[in-house]
Amino acid sequence: MFGNKNRTLALPLNDSNVFNSNYNPNTTINNIASELFIEDWSMKAHYDRYFTECTPTNCFYSYTERANPFYVATTLLGLYGGLTVVLRWWSPRLVKLGRQVQIYYMRKRRNNIIPVTT
């Protein structure tokens, strides 16, 4: 009563209703496969209607990345290298500028002794 029932329907292949195809019965499978087994390609898409119906009101993008050890190491090495280059370029100039400021104020403070003749 609850078992599966198999039905087989045998139709003749020479019937014009069954074999309604654009391909000739003598067409090779290679030719049919080269046309991707498509007999009629009709695509009626209304993109203007689709985009008016599906326009988003807001668009958000978020990206979450875990800090893996390789990323942390390369970031630290990059910071170290960048700071090394900047400090090697700036340090001599800052020392030179500091020395010039120091000399300027030392000259300004220098007491000039003017001998008094009587």
N, C-alpha and C. Protein backbone atom coordinates (compact mmCIF):
# COMPACT_ATOMS: atom_id res chain seq x y z
N MET A 1 0.80 -1.18 0.00
CA MET A 1 0.00 0.00 0.00
C MET A 1 0.85 1.26 0.00
N PHE A 2 1.91 1.31 0.81
CA PHE A 2 2.76 2.48 0.87
C PHE A 2 4.04 2.33 0.07
N GLY A 3 4.16 1.33 -0.72
CA GLY A 3 5.37 1.08 -1.49
C GLY A 3 5.52 2.04 -2.67
N ASN A 4 6.70 2.07 -3.22
CA ASN A 4 6.97 2.92 -4.38
C ASN A 4 6.42 2.26 -5.63
N LYS A 5 5.86 3.06 -6.51
CA LYS A 5 5.36 2.54 -7.77
C LYS A 5 6.14 3.18 -8.89
N ASN A 6 6.66 2.39 -9.76
CA ASN A 6 7.40 2.89 -10.92
C ASN A 6 6.50 2.82 -12.13
N ARG A 7 6.47 3.91 -12.87
CA ARG A 7 5.71 3.93 -14.11
C ARG A 7 6.66 4.22 -15.25
N THR A 8 6.47 3.57 -16.32
CA THR A 8 7.26 3.80 -17.52
C THR A 8 6.32 4.20 -18.63
N LEU A 9 6.64 5.32 -19.27
CA LEU A 9 5.82 5.81 -20.36
C LEU A 9 6.67 5.76 -21.62
N ALA A 10 6.31 4.93 -22.53
CA ALA A 10 7.06 4.78 -23.77
C ALA A 10 6.38 5.57 -24.86
N LEU A 11 7.13 6.49 -25.48
CA LEU A 11 6.61 7.29 -26.58
C LEU A 11 7.44 7.03 -27.81
N PRO A 12 6.81 6.98 -28.95
CA PRO A 12 7.59 6.76 -30.18
C PRO A 12 8.42 7.99 -30.53
N LEU A 13 9.67 7.78 -30.95
CA LEU A 13 10.56 8.89 -31.26
C LEU A 13 10.27 9.54 -32.60
N ASN A 14 9.53 8.87 -33.43
CA ASN A 14 9.24 9.47 -34.73
C ASN A 14 8.00 10.35 -34.70
N ASP A 15 7.38 10.47 -33.55
CA ASP A 15 6.21 11.34 -33.42
C ASP A 15 6.67 12.79 -33.48
N SER A 16 6.00 13.60 -34.28
CA SER A 16 6.44 14.99 -34.47
C SER A 16 6.22 15.83 -33.22
N ASN A 17 5.28 15.46 -32.36
CA ASN A 17 5.06 16.22 -31.14
C ASN A 17 6.14 15.96 -30.10
N VAL A 18 6.67 14.75 -30.09
CA VAL A 18 7.69 14.39 -29.11
C VAL A 18 9.05 14.94 -29.53
N PHE A 19 9.37 14.80 -30.78
CA PHE A 19 10.69 15.19 -31.27
C PHE A 19 10.61 16.56 -31.95
N ASN A 20 10.16 17.57 -31.20
CA ASN A 20 10.03 18.92 -31.74
C ASN A 20 11.33 19.66 -31.45
N SER A 21 12.26 19.62 -32.36
CA SER A 21 13.58 20.21 -32.15
C SER A 21 13.99 20.98 -33.39
N ASN A 22 14.84 21.95 -33.18
CA ASN A 22 15.40 22.70 -34.31
C ASN A 22 16.54 21.95 -34.97
N TYR A 23 17.05 20.93 -34.28
CA TYR A 23 18.16 20.16 -34.81
C TYR A 23 17.63 19.05 -35.71
N ASN A 24 18.35 18.78 -36.74
CA ASN A 24 18.06 17.69 -37.65
C ASN A 24 18.36 16.37 -36.93
N PRO A 25 17.61 15.32 -37.12
CA PRO A 25 17.90 14.05 -36.44
C PRO A 25 19.29 13.51 -36.76
N ASN A 26 19.89 13.92 -37.87
CA ASN A 26 21.22 13.44 -38.23
C ASN A 26 22.34 14.34 -37.71
N THR A 27 22.00 15.37 -36.93
CA THR A 27 23.02 16.28 -36.39
C THR A 27 23.86 15.54 -35.37
N THR A 28 25.16 15.73 -35.44
CA THR A 28 26.06 15.03 -34.51
C THR A 28 25.99 15.68 -33.13
N ILE A 29 26.33 14.88 -32.14
CA ILE A 29 26.35 15.38 -30.76
C ILE A 29 27.40 16.48 -30.62
N ASN A 30 28.48 16.38 -31.36
CA ASN A 30 29.53 17.40 -31.31
C ASN A 30 28.99 18.76 -31.74
N ASN A 31 28.19 18.79 -32.80
CA ASN A 31 27.60 20.06 -33.25
C ASN A 31 26.61 20.61 -32.23
N ILE A 32 25.82 19.71 -31.66
CA ILE A 32 24.85 20.16 -30.66
C ILE A 32 25.57 20.66 -29.41
N ALA A 33 26.64 19.97 -29.01
CA ALA A 33 27.39 20.38 -27.83
C ALA A 33 28.11 21.70 -28.06
N SER A 34 28.57 21.93 -29.29
CA SER A 34 29.25 23.20 -29.57
C SER A 34 28.28 24.38 -29.46
N GLU A 35 27.00 24.10 -29.62
CA GLU A 35 25.98 25.14 -29.44
C GLU A 35 25.37 25.07 -28.04
N LEU A 36 26.03 24.34 -27.15
CA LEU A 36 25.67 24.21 -25.73
C LEU A 36 24.28 23.62 -25.51
N PHE A 37 23.82 22.79 -26.43
CA PHE A 37 22.52 22.13 -26.35
C PHE A 37 21.37 23.13 -26.25
N ILE A 38 21.58 24.35 -26.71
CA ILE A 38 20.55 25.38 -26.65
C ILE A 38 19.89 25.47 -28.02
N GLU A 39 18.60 25.28 -28.03
CA GLU A 39 17.87 25.37 -29.29
C GLU A 39 17.39 26.79 -29.54
N ASP A 40 16.92 27.45 -28.50
CA ASP A 40 16.40 28.80 -28.67
C ASP A 40 16.81 29.63 -27.46
N TRP A 41 17.51 30.69 -27.72
CA TRP A 41 17.99 31.54 -26.64
C TRP A 41 17.19 32.83 -26.68
N SER A 42 16.26 32.94 -25.80
CA SER A 42 15.48 34.18 -25.75
C SER A 42 15.53 34.70 -24.32
N MET A 43 16.04 35.89 -24.21
CA MET A 43 16.18 36.49 -22.90
C MET A 43 15.52 37.85 -22.93
N LYS A 44 14.49 37.95 -22.17
CA LYS A 44 13.77 39.22 -22.11
C LYS A 44 13.91 39.75 -20.69
N ALA A 45 14.90 40.56 -20.48
CA ALA A 45 15.15 41.12 -19.16
C ALA A 45 14.85 42.61 -19.18
N HIS A 46 14.19 43.05 -18.16
CA HIS A 46 13.87 44.47 -18.03
C HIS A 46 14.74 45.03 -16.90
N TYR A 47 15.93 45.45 -17.26
CA TYR A 47 16.86 45.93 -16.24
C TYR A 47 16.42 47.25 -15.64
N ASP A 48 15.78 48.09 -16.41
CA ASP A 48 15.34 49.37 -15.86
C ASP A 48 14.31 49.15 -14.75
N ARG A 49 13.41 48.20 -14.94
CA ARG A 49 12.45 47.88 -13.89
C ARG A 49 13.13 47.26 -12.69
N TYR A 50 14.10 46.39 -12.95
CA TYR A 50 14.82 45.73 -11.86
C TYR A 50 15.55 46.75 -11.00
N PHE A 51 16.26 47.68 -11.64
CA PHE A 51 17.04 48.64 -10.86
C PHE A 51 16.17 49.68 -10.17
N THR A 52 15.01 49.99 -10.72
CA THR A 52 14.13 50.91 -10.00
C THR A 52 13.48 50.22 -8.80
N GLU A 53 13.21 48.93 -8.91
CA GLU A 53 12.60 48.22 -7.79
C GLU A 53 13.62 47.87 -6.72
N CYS A 54 14.85 47.65 -7.10
CA CYS A 54 15.86 47.16 -6.16
C CYS A 54 16.90 48.21 -5.80
N THR A 55 16.58 49.47 -5.93
CA THR A 55 17.56 50.49 -5.56
C THR A 55 17.69 50.54 -4.05
N PRO A 56 18.90 50.42 -3.56
CA PRO A 56 19.08 50.48 -2.11
C PRO A 56 18.97 51.92 -1.60
N THR A 57 18.43 52.06 -0.41
CA THR A 57 18.36 53.39 0.18
C THR A 57 19.66 53.73 0.88
N ASN A 58 20.31 52.74 1.45
CA ASN A 58 21.61 52.94 2.11
C ASN A 58 22.55 51.83 1.68
N CYS A 59 23.81 52.17 1.63
CA CYS A 59 24.81 51.17 1.28
C CYS A 59 25.92 51.22 2.32
N PHE A 60 26.17 50.13 2.97
CA PHE A 60 27.20 50.06 4.00
C PHE A 60 28.22 49.01 3.61
N TYR A 61 29.45 49.30 3.96
CA TYR A 61 30.53 48.35 3.70
C TYR A 61 31.37 48.28 4.96
N SER A 62 31.57 47.11 5.45
CA SER A 62 32.43 46.95 6.63
C SER A 62 33.41 45.83 6.36
N TYR A 63 34.58 46.00 6.92
CA TYR A 63 35.65 45.03 6.71
C TYR A 63 36.34 44.81 8.04
N THR A 64 36.37 43.60 8.49
CA THR A 64 37.00 43.27 9.76
C THR A 64 38.18 42.36 9.49
N GLU A 65 39.33 42.77 9.99
CA GLU A 65 40.52 41.96 9.78
C GLU A 65 41.18 41.71 11.12
N ARG A 66 41.48 40.47 11.39
CA ARG A 66 42.20 40.15 12.60
C ARG A 66 43.67 40.45 12.41
N ALA A 67 44.29 40.93 13.46
CA ALA A 67 45.71 41.24 13.40
C ALA A 67 46.50 39.94 13.58
N ASN A 68 46.92 39.36 12.49
CA ASN A 68 47.71 38.14 12.60
C ASN A 68 49.17 38.51 12.86
N PRO A 69 49.98 37.59 13.33
CA PRO A 69 51.37 37.90 13.68
C PRO A 69 52.18 38.44 12.50
N PHE A 70 51.94 37.95 11.32
CA PHE A 70 52.68 38.44 10.15
C PHE A 70 52.37 39.90 9.89
N TYR A 71 51.11 40.29 10.01
CA TYR A 71 50.71 41.68 9.80
C TYR A 71 51.33 42.58 10.86
N VAL A 72 51.30 42.14 12.11
CA VAL A 72 51.88 42.94 13.21
C VAL A 72 53.38 43.10 13.00
N ALA A 73 54.07 42.03 12.64
CA ALA A 73 55.52 42.09 12.45
C ALA A 73 55.89 43.02 11.31
N THR A 74 55.20 42.92 10.19
CA THR A 74 55.53 43.79 9.06
C THR A 74 55.19 45.24 9.36
N THR A 75 54.13 45.48 10.11
CA THR A 75 53.79 46.86 10.48
C THR A 75 54.86 47.45 11.39
N LEU A 76 55.30 46.68 12.38
CA LEU A 76 56.34 47.18 13.30
C LEU A 76 57.66 47.40 12.56
N LEU A 77 58.02 46.49 11.67
CA LEU A 77 59.25 46.69 10.90
C LEU A 77 59.14 47.91 9.99
N GLY A 78 57.98 48.14 9.42
CA GLY A 78 57.77 49.31 8.58
C GLY A 78 57.88 50.59 9.38
N LEU A 79 57.29 50.61 10.58
CA LEU A 79 57.41 51.79 11.44
C LEU A 79 58.85 52.03 11.85
N TYR A 80 59.55 50.96 12.21
CA TYR A 80 60.95 51.09 12.61
C TYR A 80 61.79 51.63 11.45
N GLY A 81 61.59 51.08 10.27
CA GLY A 81 62.35 51.54 9.10
C GLY A 81 62.04 52.98 8.75
N GLY A 82 60.77 53.35 8.82
CA GLY A 82 60.39 54.73 8.51
C GLY A 82 60.95 55.70 9.52
N LEU A 83 60.86 55.36 10.80
CA LEU A 83 61.42 56.23 11.83
C LEU A 83 62.94 56.34 11.71
N THR A 84 63.59 55.26 11.36
CA THR A 84 65.04 55.29 11.19
C THR A 84 65.43 56.26 10.08
N VAL A 85 64.76 56.19 8.97
CA VAL A 85 65.08 57.08 7.84
C VAL A 85 64.81 58.52 8.22
N VAL A 86 63.67 58.79 8.83
CA VAL A 86 63.32 60.17 9.18
C VAL A 86 64.29 60.72 10.22
N LEU A 87 64.59 59.94 11.24
CA LEU A 87 65.48 60.45 12.29
C LEU A 87 66.91 60.61 11.79
N ARG A 88 67.38 59.76 10.90
CA ARG A 88 68.72 59.95 10.33
C ARG A 88 68.79 61.22 9.50
N TRP A 89 67.69 61.61 8.91
CA TRP A 89 67.68 62.83 8.11
C TRP A 89 67.50 64.06 8.99
N TRP A 90 66.61 63.97 10.00
CA TRP A 90 66.31 65.13 10.83
C TRP A 90 67.31 65.37 11.95
N SER A 91 67.89 64.35 12.53
CA SER A 91 68.75 64.52 13.71
C SER A 91 69.91 65.47 13.47
N PRO A 92 70.72 65.33 12.41
CA PRO A 92 71.82 66.28 12.23
C PRO A 92 71.33 67.72 12.04
N ARG A 93 70.22 67.88 11.38
CA ARG A 93 69.69 69.23 11.16
C ARG A 93 69.18 69.84 12.46
N LEU A 94 68.53 69.02 13.29
CA LEU A 94 68.06 69.53 14.58
C LEU A 94 69.22 69.89 15.50
N VAL A 95 70.26 69.07 15.51
CA VAL A 95 71.44 69.37 16.33
C VAL A 95 72.11 70.65 15.85
N LYS A 96 72.23 70.80 14.54
CA LYS A 96 72.85 72.00 13.97
C LYS A 96 72.02 73.24 14.31
N LEU A 97 70.71 73.14 14.20
CA LEU A 97 69.84 74.27 14.53
C LEU A 97 69.94 74.61 16.01
N GLY A 98 69.96 73.59 16.86
CA GLY A 98 70.11 73.83 18.31
C GLY A 98 71.42 74.50 18.64
N ARG A 99 72.47 74.08 17.97
CA ARG A 99 73.80 74.69 18.20
C ARG A 99 73.80 76.15 17.76
N GLN A 100 73.17 76.46 16.63
CA GLN A 100 73.11 77.84 16.15
C GLN A 100 72.31 78.72 17.11
N VAL A 101 71.22 78.20 17.66
CA VAL A 101 70.44 78.96 18.64
C VAL A 101 71.26 79.20 19.89
N GLN A 102 71.99 78.18 20.32
CA GLN A 102 72.83 78.31 21.50
C GLN A 102 73.91 79.37 21.29
N ILE A 103 74.57 79.37 20.15
CA ILE A 103 75.62 80.36 19.85
C ILE A 103 75.01 81.76 19.80
N TYR A 104 73.83 81.90 19.22
CA TYR A 104 73.18 83.20 19.12
C TYR A 104 72.94 83.78 20.52
N TYR A 105 72.39 82.97 21.43
CA TYR A 105 72.10 83.47 22.77
C TYR A 105 73.38 83.69 23.57
N MET A 106 74.41 82.90 23.32
CA MET A 106 75.68 83.12 24.03
C MET A 106 76.30 84.43 23.59
N ARG A 107 76.23 84.76 22.32
CA ARG A 107 76.78 86.03 21.85
C ARG A 107 75.97 87.20 22.39
N LYS A 108 74.68 87.00 22.49
CA LYS A 108 73.82 88.07 22.97
C LYS A 108 74.09 88.36 24.44
N ARG A 109 74.41 87.36 25.23
CA ARG A 109 74.66 87.52 26.66
C ARG A 109 76.08 87.97 26.97
N ARG A 110 76.95 87.84 26.02
CA ARG A 110 78.35 88.13 26.29
C ARG A 110 78.49 89.59 26.76
N ASN A 111 79.20 89.73 27.80
CA ASN A 111 79.44 91.08 28.34
C ASN A 111 80.63 91.69 27.61
N ASN A 112 80.38 92.82 27.07
CA ASN A 112 81.48 93.54 26.44
C ASN A 112 82.11 94.47 27.48
N ILE A 113 83.36 94.28 27.67
CA ILE A 113 84.07 95.12 28.64
C ILE A 113 84.69 96.29 27.89
N ILE A 114 84.26 97.43 28.27
CA ILE A 114 84.81 98.64 27.66
C ILE A 114 85.71 99.32 28.69
N PRO A 115 86.98 99.45 28.36
CA PRO A 115 87.89 100.08 29.35
C PRO A 115 87.56 101.57 29.51
N VAL A 116 87.61 101.99 30.70
CA VAL A 116 87.33 103.39 31.01
C VAL A 116 88.67 104.09 31.23
N THR A 117 88.86 105.14 30.52
CA THR A 117 90.11 105.91 30.69
C THR A 117 89.79 107.17 31.48
N THR A 118 90.64 107.44 32.44
CA THR A 118 90.43 108.64 33.24
C THR A 118 91.55 109.61 33.16
